[in-house]
Amino acid sequence: MKDKFAQRIKKMLVKQQVLDEAKGEEILLKSIKEETLYVDALFESEVLSESDYISATALESGYPPVDV
């Protein structure tokens, strides 16, 4: 289940052009191997900032980004 959600996140980030497909897949495999959350692995790899993730998620969902 967690892998499917991570795949959806990766697909959304690639679609929003904030993540390269190959790098996203590399980080996905690493997160599965290390049993960590995909978004945590993204942030740790410094490929994507939290604010970029929030913005991309907001654009995809149609809601304005909220950063508290």
C-alpha atoms as a PDB file:
ATOM      1  CA  MET A   1       0.000   0.000   0.000  1.00  0.00           C
ATOM      2  CA  LYS A   2       2.786   2.409   0.962  1.00  0.00           C
ATOM      3  CA  ASP A   3       4.554   1.686  -2.342  1.00  0.00           C
ATOM      4  CA  LYS A   4       1.443   2.568  -4.345  1.00  0.00           C
ATOM      5  CA  PHE A   5       1.084   5.887  -2.551  1.00  0.00           C
ATOM      6  CA  ALA A   6       4.778   6.643  -3.107  1.00  0.00           C
ATOM      7  CA  GLN A   7       4.341   5.837  -6.816  1.00  0.00           C
ATOM      8  CA  ARG A   8       1.431   8.289  -7.002  1.00  0.00           C
ATOM      9  CA  ILE A   9       3.486  10.992  -5.295  1.00  0.00           C
ATOM     10  CA  LYS A  10       6.387  10.394  -7.689  1.00  0.00           C
ATOM     11  CA  LYS A  11       4.079  10.518 -10.706  1.00  0.00           C
ATOM     12  CA  MET A  12       2.533  13.781  -9.503  1.00  0.00           C
ATOM     13  CA  LEU A  13       5.930  15.412  -8.890  1.00  0.00           C
ATOM     14  CA  VAL A  14       7.192  14.365 -12.323  1.00  0.00           C
ATOM     15  CA  LYS A  15       3.989  15.701 -13.896  1.00  0.00           C
ATOM     16  CA  GLN A  16       4.475  19.029 -12.092  1.00  0.00           C
ATOM     17  CA  GLN A  17       8.081  19.036 -13.409  1.00  0.00           C
ATOM     18  CA  VAL A  18       9.679  19.397  -9.990  1.00  0.00           C
ATOM     19  CA  LEU A  19      11.263  15.926 -10.077  1.00  0.00           C
ATOM     20  CA  ASP A  20      13.159  14.003 -12.739  1.00  0.00           C
ATOM     21  CA  GLU A  21      11.638  10.569 -13.483  1.00  0.00           C
ATOM     22  CA  ALA A  22      14.938   8.673 -13.087  1.00  0.00           C
ATOM     23  CA  LYS A  23      15.915  10.435  -9.861  1.00  0.00           C
ATOM     24  CA  GLY A  24      12.409   9.925  -8.482  1.00  0.00           C
ATOM     25  CA  GLU A  25      12.613   6.194  -9.178  1.00  0.00           C
ATOM     26  CA  GLU A  26      16.074   5.978  -7.602  1.00  0.00           C
ATOM     27  CA  ILE A  27      14.829   7.646  -4.432  1.00  0.00           C
ATOM     28  CA  LEU A  28      11.685   5.481  -4.413  1.00  0.00           C
ATOM     29  CA  LEU A  29      13.752   2.297  -4.506  1.00  0.00           C
ATOM     30  CA  LYS A  30      16.000   3.651  -1.754  1.00  0.00           C
ATOM     31  CA  SER A  31      13.001   4.480   0.448  1.00  0.00           C
ATOM     32  CA  ILE A  32      11.573   0.983  -0.045  1.00  0.00           C
ATOM     33  CA  LYS A  33      14.930  -0.628   0.750  1.00  0.00           C
ATOM     34  CA  GLU A  34      15.441   1.502   3.873  1.00  0.00           C
ATOM     35  CA  GLU A  35      11.754   1.263   4.853  1.00  0.00           C
ATOM     36  CA  THR A  36      11.343   5.035   5.070  1.00  0.00           C
ATOM     37  CA  LEU A  37       8.637   7.307   3.755  1.00  0.00           C
ATOM     38  CA  TYR A  38       9.144   8.434   0.175  1.00  0.00           C
ATOM     39  CA  VAL A  39       8.710  12.123   0.982  1.00  0.00           C
ATOM     40  CA  ASP A  40      11.249  11.849   3.808  1.00  0.00           C
ATOM     41  CA  ALA A  41      13.712  10.270   1.384  1.00  0.00           C
ATOM     42  CA  LEU A  42      13.058  13.105  -1.092  1.00  0.00           C
ATOM     43  CA  PHE A  43      13.760  15.745   1.530  1.00  0.00           C
ATOM     44  CA  GLU A  44      16.862  13.941   2.821  1.00  0.00           C
ATOM     45  CA  SER A  45      18.280  13.695  -0.698  1.00  0.00           C
ATOM     46  CA  GLU A  46      17.778  17.454  -1.063  1.00  0.00           C
ATOM     47  CA  VAL A  47      16.274  16.929  -4.515  1.00  0.00           C
ATOM     48  CA  LEU A  48      13.085  18.613  -3.379  1.00  0.00           C
ATOM     49  CA  SER A  49      12.362  21.102  -0.629  1.00  0.00           C
ATOM     50  CA  GLU A  50       9.297  20.892   1.582  1.00  0.00           C
ATOM     51  CA  SER A  51       7.949  24.122   0.112  1.00  0.00           C
ATOM     52  CA  ASP A  52       8.344  22.757  -3.448  1.00  0.00           C
ATOM     53  CA  TYR A  53       6.490  19.609  -2.380  1.00  0.00           C
ATOM     54  CA  ILE A  54       3.695  21.644  -0.790  1.00  0.00           C
ATOM     55  CA  SER A  55       3.391  23.832  -3.890  1.00  0.00           C
ATOM     56  CA  ALA A  56       3.290  20.870  -6.286  1.00  0.00           C
ATOM     57  CA  THR A  57       0.709  19.065  -4.153  1.00  0.00           C
ATOM     58  CA  ALA A  58      -1.433  22.200  -3.970  1.00  0.00           C
ATOM     59  CA  LEU A  59      -1.293  22.730  -7.740  1.00  0.00           C
ATOM     60  CA  GLU A  60      -2.219  19.122  -8.392  1.00  0.00           C
ATOM     61  CA  SER A  61      -5.136  19.161  -5.949  1.00  0.00           C
ATOM     62  CA  GLY A  62      -6.427  22.578  -6.982  1.00  0.00           C
ATOM     63  CA  TYR A  63      -6.082  24.069  -3.508  1.00  0.00           C
ATOM     64  CA  PRO A  64      -3.887  27.045  -2.668  1.00  0.00           C
ATOM     65  CA  PRO A  65      -0.615  26.156  -0.929  1.00  0.00           C
ATOM     66  CA  VAL A  66      -0.552  26.658   2.822  1.00  0.00           C
ATOM     67  CA  ASP A  67       2.758  26.849   4.624  1.00  0.00           C
ATOM     68  CA  VAL A  68       2.467  27.295   8.379  1.00  0.00           C
END
